[in-house]
Amino acid sequence: MDAAVLAAIGSLIAGPVAAFAAMYGSRGATRAAQQSSAATMYDSLTQRLAAERDKAEADQAKAEARVEVLELENARLRLQVERLGGTP
């Protein structure tokens, strides 16, 4: 075999190998991009959930404080009714 035949055989083998490598590399890059996107979305979701949790805890504290105020008001009004001779 001379050099021209070996070069032709080499190019016939190198073409499909290069195409396979390009395709495989593209899949790897796509997979990496998807994983990165998923990690970013997960981080965003956990931040939003933490913010919602904090808001819910603050709302609960406000509601509990409001309940205490209303219970005191109720007790005051009961006393007022009793002073005026009524039954609560």
PDB file of N, CA and C in Angstrom:
ATOM      1  N   MET A   1       0.841  -1.170   0.000  1.00  0.00           N
ATOM      2  CA  MET A   1       0.000   0.000   0.000  1.00  0.00           C
ATOM      3  C   MET A   1       0.886   1.233   0.000  1.00  0.00           C
ATOM      4  N   ASP A   2       0.438   2.118  -0.772  1.00  0.00           N
ATOM      5  CA  ASP A   2       1.228   3.342  -0.804  1.00  0.00           C
ATOM      6  C   ASP A   2       0.589   4.399   0.096  1.00  0.00           C
ATOM      7  N   ALA A   3       1.205   5.518   0.186  1.00  0.00           N
ATOM      8  CA  ALA A   3       0.785   6.572   1.108  1.00  0.00           C
ATOM      9  C   ALA A   3      -0.578   7.132   0.740  1.00  0.00           C
ATOM     10  N   ALA A   4      -0.924   7.212  -0.534  1.00  0.00           N
ATOM     11  CA  ALA A   4      -2.209   7.771  -0.964  1.00  0.00           C
ATOM     12  C   ALA A   4      -3.364   6.890  -0.493  1.00  0.00           C
ATOM     13  N   VAL A   5      -3.195   5.574  -0.580  1.00  0.00           N
ATOM     14  CA  VAL A   5      -4.243   4.652  -0.150  1.00  0.00           C
ATOM     15  C   VAL A   5      -4.425   4.749   1.371  1.00  0.00           C
ATOM     16  N   LEU A   6      -3.306   4.801   2.084  1.00  0.00           N
ATOM     17  CA  LEU A   6      -3.390   4.926   3.538  1.00  0.00           C
ATOM     18  C   LEU A   6      -4.042   6.250   3.940  1.00  0.00           C
ATOM     19  N   ALA A   7      -3.762   7.322   3.234  1.00  0.00           N
ATOM     20  CA  ALA A   7      -4.374   8.617   3.522  1.00  0.00           C
ATOM     21  C   ALA A   7      -5.874   8.570   3.247  1.00  0.00           C
ATOM     22  N   ALA A   8      -6.270   7.895   2.167  1.00  0.00           N
ATOM     23  CA  ALA A   8      -7.690   7.782   1.832  1.00  0.00           C
ATOM     24  C   ALA A   8      -8.428   6.961   2.884  1.00  0.00           C
ATOM     25  N   ILE A   9      -7.841   5.845   3.323  1.00  0.00           N
ATOM     26  CA  ILE A   9      -8.463   5.011   4.360  1.00  0.00           C
ATOM     27  C   ILE A   9      -8.547   5.801   5.670  1.00  0.00           C
ATOM     28  N   GLY A  10      -7.502   6.525   5.983  1.00  0.00           N
ATOM     29  CA  GLY A  10      -7.493   7.351   7.197  1.00  0.00           C
ATOM     30  C   GLY A  10      -8.581   8.407   7.170  1.00  0.00           C
ATOM     31  N   SER A  11      -8.781   9.032   6.018  1.00  0.00           N
ATOM     32  CA  SER A  11      -9.821  10.061   5.925  1.00  0.00           C
ATOM     33  C   SER A  11     -11.209   9.441   5.982  1.00  0.00           C
ATOM     34  N   LEU A  12     -11.377   8.224   5.437  1.00  0.00           N
ATOM     35  CA  LEU A  12     -12.665   7.544   5.524  1.00  0.00           C
ATOM     36  C   LEU A  12     -13.006   7.184   6.979  1.00  0.00           C
ATOM     37  N   ILE A  13     -12.026   6.841   7.750  1.00  0.00           N
ATOM     38  CA  ILE A  13     -12.253   6.492   9.158  1.00  0.00           C
ATOM     39  C   ILE A  13     -12.389   7.768  10.003  1.00  0.00           C
ATOM     40  N   ALA A  14     -11.594   8.775   9.697  1.00  0.00           N
ATOM     41  CA  ALA A  14     -11.584   9.995  10.503  1.00  0.00           C
ATOM     42  C   ALA A  14     -12.892  10.773  10.376  1.00  0.00           C
ATOM     43  N   GLY A  15     -13.537  10.745   9.228  1.00  0.00           N
ATOM     44  CA  GLY A  15     -14.787  11.492   9.014  1.00  0.00           C
ATOM     45  C   GLY A  15     -15.891  11.053   9.967  1.00  0.00           C
ATOM     46  N   PRO A  16     -16.260   9.782   9.982  1.00  0.00           N
ATOM     47  CA  PRO A  16     -17.316   9.340  10.904  1.00  0.00           C
ATOM     48  C   PRO A  16     -16.923   9.493  12.380  1.00  0.00           C
ATOM     49  N   VAL A  17     -15.641   9.269  12.680  1.00  0.00           N
ATOM     50  CA  VAL A  17     -15.192   9.426  14.064  1.00  0.00           C
ATOM     51  C   VAL A  17     -15.345  10.882  14.496  1.00  0.00           C
ATOM     52  N   ALA A  18     -14.985  11.818  13.643  1.00  0.00           N
ATOM     53  CA  ALA A  18     -15.122  13.237  13.965  1.00  0.00           C
ATOM     54  C   ALA A  18     -16.601  13.621  14.110  1.00  0.00           C
ATOM     55  N   ALA A  19     -17.455  13.078  13.245  1.00  0.00           N
ATOM     56  CA  ALA A  19     -18.883  13.359  13.333  1.00  0.00           C
ATOM     57  C   ALA A  19     -19.460  12.818  14.637  1.00  0.00           C
ATOM     58  N   PHE A  20     -19.060  11.597  15.005  1.00  0.00           N
ATOM     59  CA  PHE A  20     -19.526  11.001  16.256  1.00  0.00           C
ATOM     60  C   PHE A  20     -19.053  11.835  17.449  1.00  0.00           C
ATOM     61  N   ALA A  21     -17.810  12.264  17.410  1.00  0.00           N
ATOM     62  CA  ALA A  21     -17.266  13.069  18.503  1.00  0.00           C
ATOM     63  C   ALA A  21     -18.008  14.400  18.618  1.00  0.00           C
ATOM     64  N   ALA A  22     -18.325  15.017  17.488  1.00  0.00           N
ATOM     65  CA  ALA A  22     -19.055  16.281  17.510  1.00  0.00           C
ATOM     66  C   ALA A  22     -20.460  16.086  18.069  1.00  0.00           C
ATOM     67  N   MET A  23     -21.125  15.007  17.655  1.00  0.00           N
ATOM     68  CA  MET A  23     -22.466  14.731  18.128  1.00  0.00           C
ATOM     69  C   MET A  23     -22.452  14.431  19.632  1.00  0.00           C
ATOM     70  N   TYR A  24     -21.535  13.621  20.073  1.00  0.00           N
ATOM     71  CA  TYR A  24     -21.426  13.277  21.481  1.00  0.00           C
ATOM     72  C   TYR A  24     -21.086  14.512  22.317  1.00  0.00           C
ATOM     73  N   GLY A  25     -20.189  15.340  21.820  1.00  0.00           N
ATOM     74  CA  GLY A  25     -19.830  16.571  22.520  1.00  0.00           C
ATOM     75  C   GLY A  25     -21.007  17.517  22.629  1.00  0.00           C
ATOM     76  N   SER A  26     -21.810  17.594  21.581  1.00  0.00           N
ATOM     77  CA  SER A  26     -22.990  18.442  21.596  1.00  0.00           C
ATOM     78  C   SER A  26     -23.991  17.946  22.632  1.00  0.00           C
ATOM     79  N   ARG A  27     -24.162  16.637  22.720  1.00  0.00           N
ATOM     80  CA  ARG A  27     -25.071  16.079  23.719  1.00  0.00           C
ATOM     81  C   ARG A  27     -24.582  16.400  25.122  1.00  0.00           C
ATOM     82  N   GLY A  28     -23.295  16.290  25.324  1.00  0.00           N
ATOM     83  CA  GLY A  28     -22.726  16.596  26.634  1.00  0.00           C
ATOM     84  C   GLY A  28     -22.923  18.052  27.000  1.00  0.00           C
ATOM     85  N   ALA A  29     -22.736  18.939  26.026  1.00  0.00           N
ATOM     86  CA  ALA A  29     -22.926  20.372  26.286  1.00  0.00           C
ATOM     87  C   ALA A  29     -24.393  20.673  26.583  1.00  0.00           C
ATOM     88  N   THR A  30     -25.297  20.032  25.832  1.00  0.00           N
ATOM     89  CA  THR A  30     -26.723  20.223  26.061  1.00  0.00           C
ATOM     90  C   THR A  30     -27.109  19.727  27.448  1.00  0.00           C
ATOM     91  N   ARG A  31     -26.599  18.573  27.828  1.00  0.00           N
ATOM     92  CA  ARG A  31     -26.902  18.012  29.140  1.00  0.00           C
ATOM     93  C   ARG A  31     -26.381  18.932  30.250  1.00  0.00           C
ATOM     94  N   ALA A  32     -25.176  19.445  30.064  1.00  0.00           N
ATOM     95  CA  ALA A  32     -24.602  20.350  31.068  1.00  0.00           C
ATOM     96  C   ALA A  32     -25.433  21.625  31.182  1.00  0.00           C
ATOM     97  N   ALA A  33     -25.886  22.150  30.045  1.00  0.00           N
ATOM     98  CA  ALA A  33     -26.710  23.359  30.066  1.00  0.00           C
ATOM     99  C   ALA A  33     -28.038  23.091  30.764  1.00  0.00           C
ATOM    100  N   GLN A  34     -28.641  21.919  30.525  1.00  0.00           N
ATOM    101  CA  GLN A  34     -29.908  21.582  31.171  1.00  0.00           C
ATOM    102  C   GLN A  34     -29.719  21.430  32.679  1.00  0.00           C
ATOM    103  N   GLN A  35     -28.641  20.802  33.083  1.00  0.00           N
ATOM    104  CA  GLN A  35     -28.389  20.627  34.513  1.00  0.00           C
ATOM    105  C   GLN A  35     -28.145  21.975  35.181  1.00  0.00           C
ATOM    106  N   SER A  36     -27.427  22.855  34.499  1.00  0.00           N
ATOM    107  CA  SER A  36     -27.183  24.185  35.043  1.00  0.00           C
ATOM    108  C   SER A  36     -28.487  24.953  35.161  1.00  0.00           C
ATOM    109  N   SER A  37     -29.324  24.849  34.146  1.00  0.00           N
ATOM    110  CA  SER A  37     -30.625  25.514  34.173  1.00  0.00           C
ATOM    111  C   SER A  37     -31.491  24.963  35.301  1.00  0.00           C
ATOM    112  N   ALA A  38     -31.473  23.651  35.483  1.00  0.00           N
ATOM    113  CA  ALA A  38     -32.259  23.039  36.554  1.00  0.00           C
ATOM    114  C   ALA A  38     -31.766  23.505  37.920  1.00  0.00           C
ATOM    115  N   ALA A  39     -30.464  23.606  38.089  1.00  0.00           N
ATOM    116  CA  ALA A  39     -29.913  24.063  39.368  1.00  0.00           C
ATOM    117  C   ALA A  39     -30.311  25.509  39.637  1.00  0.00           C
ATOM    118  N   THR A  40     -30.288  26.343  38.600  1.00  0.00           N
ATOM    119  CA  THR A  40     -30.686  27.742  38.747  1.00  0.00           C
ATOM    120  C   THR A  40     -32.164  27.853  39.111  1.00  0.00           C
ATOM    121  N   MET A  41     -33.000  27.063  38.439  1.00  0.00           N
ATOM    122  CA  MET A  41     -34.426  27.090  38.737  1.00  0.00           C
ATOM    123  C   MET A  41     -34.686  26.583  40.153  1.00  0.00           C
ATOM    124  N   TYR A  42     -33.972  25.558  40.587  1.00  0.00           N
ATOM    125  CA  TYR A  42     -34.135  25.017  41.939  1.00  0.00           C
ATOM    126  C   TYR A  42     -33.756  26.075  42.971  1.00  0.00           C
ATOM    127  N   ASP A  43     -32.651  26.767  42.725  1.00  0.00           N
ATOM    128  CA  ASP A  43     -32.215  27.815  43.649  1.00  0.00           C
ATOM    129  C   ASP A  43     -33.252  28.933  43.716  1.00  0.00           C
ATOM    130  N   SER A  44     -33.778  29.315  42.577  1.00  0.00           N
ATOM    131  CA  SER A  44     -34.801  30.354  42.533  1.00  0.00           C
ATOM    132  C   SER A  44     -36.051  29.907  43.287  1.00  0.00           C
ATOM    133  N   LEU A  45     -36.434  28.669  43.094  1.00  0.00           N
ATOM    134  CA  LEU A  45     -37.616  28.141  43.776  1.00  0.00           C
ATOM    135  C   LEU A  45     -37.418  28.111  45.280  1.00  0.00           C
ATOM    136  N   THR A  46     -36.258  27.679  45.737  1.00  0.00           N
ATOM    137  CA  THR A  46     -36.024  27.633  47.183  1.00  0.00           C
ATOM    138  C   THR A  46     -35.999  29.034  47.776  1.00  0.00           C
ATOM    139  N   GLN A  47     -35.486  30.011  47.041  1.00  0.00           N
ATOM    140  CA  GLN A  47     -35.493  31.395  47.535  1.00  0.00           C
ATOM    141  C   GLN A  47     -36.918  31.930  47.637  1.00  0.00           C
ATOM    142  N   ARG A  48     -37.746  31.632  46.634  1.00  0.00           N
ATOM    143  CA  ARG A  48     -39.134  32.081  46.675  1.00  0.00           C
ATOM    144  C   ARG A  48     -39.893  31.415  47.810  1.00  0.00           C
ATOM    145  N   LEU A  49     -39.653  30.118  48.007  1.00  0.00           N
ATOM    146  CA  LEU A  49     -40.326  29.408  49.094  1.00  0.00           C
ATOM    147  C   LEU A  49     -39.911  29.950  50.457  1.00  0.00           C
ATOM    148  N   ALA A  50     -38.640  30.261  50.620  1.00  0.00           N
ATOM    149  CA  ALA A  50     -38.162  30.832  51.883  1.00  0.00           C
ATOM    150  C   ALA A  50     -38.813  32.194  52.127  1.00  0.00           C
ATOM    151  N   ALA A  51     -38.944  32.996  51.079  1.00  0.00           N
ATOM    152  CA  ALA A  51     -39.584  34.309  51.220  1.00  0.00           C
ATOM    153  C   ALA A  51     -41.059  34.148  51.588  1.00  0.00           C
ATOM    154  N   GLU A  52     -41.739  33.191  50.957  1.00  0.00           N
ATOM    155  CA  GLU A  52     -43.140  32.950  51.281  1.00  0.00           C
ATOM    156  C   GLU A  52     -43.289  32.452  52.718  1.00  0.00           C
ATOM    157  N   ARG A  53     -42.371  31.580  53.155  1.00  0.00           N
ATOM    158  CA  ARG A  53     -42.414  31.079  54.526  1.00  0.00           C
ATOM    159  C   ARG A  53     -42.243  32.229  55.517  1.00  0.00           C
ATOM    160  N   ASP A  54     -41.275  33.105  55.248  1.00  0.00           N
ATOM    161  CA  ASP A  54     -41.044  34.249  56.133  1.00  0.00           C
ATOM    162  C   ASP A  54     -42.271  35.152  56.198  1.00  0.00           C
ATOM    163  N   LYS A  55     -42.898  35.377  55.041  1.00  0.00           N
ATOM    164  CA  LYS A  55     -44.100  36.207  55.009  1.00  0.00           C
ATOM    165  C   LYS A  55     -45.230  35.536  55.782  1.00  0.00           C
ATOM    166  N   ALA A  56     -45.390  34.234  55.620  1.00  0.00           N
ATOM    167  CA  ALA A  56     -46.446  33.514  56.335  1.00  0.00           C
ATOM    168  C   ALA A  56     -46.220  33.566  57.843  1.00  0.00           C
ATOM    169  N   GLU A  57     -44.979  33.445  58.263  1.00  0.00           N
ATOM    170  CA  GLU A  57     -44.677  33.535  59.695  1.00  0.00           C
ATOM    171  C   GLU A  57     -44.984  34.933  60.224  1.00  0.00           C
ATOM    172  N   ALA A  58     -44.666  35.960  59.459  1.00  0.00           N
ATOM    173  CA  ALA A  58     -44.964  37.334  59.872  1.00  0.00           C
ATOM    174  C   ALA A  58     -46.475  37.550  59.937  1.00  0.00           C
ATOM    175  N   ASP A  59     -47.202  37.025  58.931  1.00  0.00           N
ATOM    176  CA  ASP A  59     -48.660  37.149  58.931  1.00  0.00           C
ATOM    177  C   ASP A  59     -49.271  36.427  60.126  1.00  0.00           C
ATOM    178  N   GLN A  60     -48.724  35.278  60.469  1.00  0.00           N
ATOM    179  CA  GLN A  60     -49.229  34.529  61.612  1.00  0.00           C
ATOM    180  C   GLN A  60     -49.000  35.302  62.911  1.00  0.00           C
ATOM    181  N   ALA A  61     -47.835  35.908  63.046  1.00  0.00           N
ATOM    182  CA  ALA A  61     -47.545  36.705  64.245  1.00  0.00           C
ATOM    183  C   ALA A  61     -48.509  37.880  64.343  1.00  0.00           C
ATOM    184  N   LYS A  62     -48.804  38.537  63.205  1.00  0.00           N
ATOM    185  CA  LYS A  62     -49.765  39.645  63.215  1.00  0.00           C
ATOM    186  C   LYS A  62     -51.155  39.157  63.614  1.00  0.00           C
ATOM    187  N   ALA A  63     -51.542  38.006  63.083  1.00  0.00           N
ATOM    188  CA  ALA A  63     -52.864  37.467  63.394  1.00  0.00           C
ATOM    189  C   ALA A  63     -52.969  37.117  64.878  1.00  0.00           C
ATOM    190  N   GLU A  64     -51.919  36.528  65.430  1.00  0.00           N
ATOM    191  CA  GLU A  64     -51.933  36.189  66.854  1.00  0.00           C
ATOM    192  C   GLU A  64     -52.008  37.446  67.715  1.00  0.00           C
ATOM    193  N   ALA A  65     -51.298  38.486  67.324  1.00  0.00           N
ATOM    194  CA  ALA A  65     -51.362  39.748  68.063  1.00  0.00           C
ATOM    195  C   ALA A  65     -52.763  40.340  67.972  1.00  0.00           C
ATOM    196  N   ARG A  66     -53.366  40.245  66.799  1.00  0.00           N
ATOM    197  CA  ARG A  66     -54.728  40.763  66.608  1.00  0.00           C
ATOM    198  C   ARG A  66     -55.718  39.993  67.477  1.00  0.00           C
ATOM    199  N   VAL A  67     -55.545  38.673  67.582  1.00  0.00           N
ATOM    200  CA  VAL A  67     -56.420  37.854  68.428  1.00  0.00           C
ATOM    201  C   VAL A  67     -56.319  38.312  69.877  1.00  0.00           C
ATOM    202  N   GLU A  68     -55.108  38.563  70.338  1.00  0.00           N
ATOM    203  CA  GLU A  68     -54.929  39.030  71.720  1.00  0.00           C
ATOM    204  C   GLU A  68     -55.635  40.358  71.945  1.00  0.00           C
ATOM    205  N   VAL A  69     -55.517  41.265  70.985  1.00  0.00           N
ATOM    206  CA  VAL A  69     -56.177  42.570  71.102  1.00  0.00           C
ATOM    207  C   VAL A  69     -57.690  42.383  71.152  1.00  0.00           C
ATOM    208  N   LEU A  70     -58.215  41.525  70.305  1.00  0.00           N
ATOM    209  CA  LEU A  70     -59.662  41.304  70.271  1.00  0.00           C
ATOM    210  C   LEU A  70     -60.166  40.616  71.535  1.00  0.00           C
ATOM    211  N   GLU A  71     -59.369  39.704  72.083  1.00  0.00           N
ATOM    212  CA  GLU A  71     -59.766  39.053  73.335  1.00  0.00           C
ATOM    213  C   GLU A  71     -59.821  40.071  74.484  1.00  0.00           C
ATOM    214  N   LEU A  72     -58.848  40.980  74.513  1.00  0.00           N
ATOM    215  CA  LEU A  72     -58.866  42.031  75.532  1.00  0.00           C
ATOM    216  C   LEU A  72     -60.081  42.950  75.349  1.00  0.00           C
ATOM    217  N   GLU A  73     -60.380  43.283  74.125  1.00  0.00           N
ATOM    218  CA  GLU A  73     -61.545  44.132  73.837  1.00  0.00           C
ATOM    219  C   GLU A  73     -62.828  43.419  74.249  1.00  0.00           C
ATOM    220  N   ASN A  74     -62.906  42.132  73.985  1.00  0.00           N
ATOM    221  CA  ASN A  74     -64.071  41.336  74.357  1.00  0.00           C
ATOM    222  C   ASN A  74     -64.236  41.322  75.878  1.00  0.00           C
ATOM    223  N   ALA A  75     -63.135  41.119  76.587  1.00  0.00           N
ATOM    224  CA  ALA A  75     -63.191  41.116  78.048  1.00  0.00           C
ATOM    225  C   ALA A  75     -63.628  42.484  78.570  1.00  0.00           C
ATOM    226  N   ARG A  76     -63.122  43.550  77.976  1.00  0.00           N
ATOM    227  CA  ARG A  76     -63.509  44.903  78.386  1.00  0.00           C
ATOM    228  C   ARG A  76     -64.998  45.130  78.165  1.00  0.00           C
ATOM    229  N   LEU A  77     -65.512  44.682  77.032  1.00  0.00           N
ATOM    230  CA  LEU A  77     -66.935  44.869  76.737  1.00  0.00           C
ATOM    231  C   LEU A  77     -67.808  44.024  77.659  1.00  0.00           C
ATOM    232  N   ARG A  78     -67.357  42.835  78.021  1.00  0.00           N
ATOM    233  CA  ARG A  78     -68.113  42.004  78.974  1.00  0.00           C
ATOM    234  C   ARG A  78     -68.221  42.721  80.325  1.00  0.00           C
ATOM    235  N   LEU A  79     -67.108  43.281  80.777  1.00  0.00           N
ATOM    236  CA  LEU A  79     -67.132  44.024  82.038  1.00  0.00           C
ATOM    237  C   LEU A  79     -68.083  45.210  81.956  1.00  0.00           C
ATOM    238  N   GLN A  80     -68.055  45.877  80.831  1.00  0.00           N
ATOM    239  CA  GLN A  80     -68.931  47.034  80.637  1.00  0.00           C
ATOM    240  C   GLN A  80     -70.407  46.612  80.677  1.00  0.00           C
ATOM    241  N   VAL A  81     -70.714  45.479  80.052  1.00  0.00           N
ATOM    242  CA  VAL A  81     -72.099  44.974  80.058  1.00  0.00           C
ATOM    243  C   VAL A  81     -72.509  44.626  81.497  1.00  0.00           C
ATOM    244  N   GLU A  82     -71.630  43.983  82.241  1.00  0.00           N
ATOM    245  CA  GLU A  82     -71.935  43.621  83.632  1.00  0.00           C
ATOM    246  C   GLU A  82     -72.135  44.856  84.490  1.00  0.00           C
ATOM    247  N   ARG A  83     -71.302  45.868  84.291  1.00  0.00           N
ATOM    248  CA  ARG A  83     -71.452  47.121  85.049  1.00  0.00           C
ATOM    249  C   ARG A  83     -72.803  47.778  84.791  1.00  0.00           C
ATOM    250  N   LEU A  84     -73.266  47.643  83.568  1.00  0.00           N
ATOM    251  CA  LEU A  84     -74.540  48.256  83.201  1.00  0.00           C
ATOM    252  C   LEU A  84     -75.740  47.392  83.599  1.00  0.00           C
ATOM    253  N   GLY A  85     -75.468  46.228  84.212  1.00  0.00           N
ATOM    254  CA  GLY A  85     -76.555  45.396  84.722  1.00  0.00           C
ATOM    255  C   GLY A  85     -77.003  44.311  83.771  1.00  0.00           C
ATOM    256  N   GLY A  86     -76.324  44.094  82.692  1.00  0.00           N
ATOM    257  CA  GLY A  86     -76.701  43.045  81.738  1.00  0.00           C
ATOM    258  C   GLY A  86     -75.947  41.758  81.979  1.00  0.00           C
ATOM    259  N   THR A  87     -76.271  40.780  81.177  1.00  0.00           N
ATOM    260  CA  THR A  87     -75.538  39.506  81.249  1.00  0.00           C
ATOM    261  C   THR A  87     -74.814  39.320  79.923  1.00  0.00           C
ATOM    262  N   PRO A  88     -73.554  39.004  80.005  1.00  0.00           N
ATOM    263  CA  PRO A  88     -72.798  38.856  78.755  1.00  0.00           C
ATOM    264  C   PRO A  88     -73.107  37.588  78.006  1.00  0.00           C
TER     265      PRO A  88
END
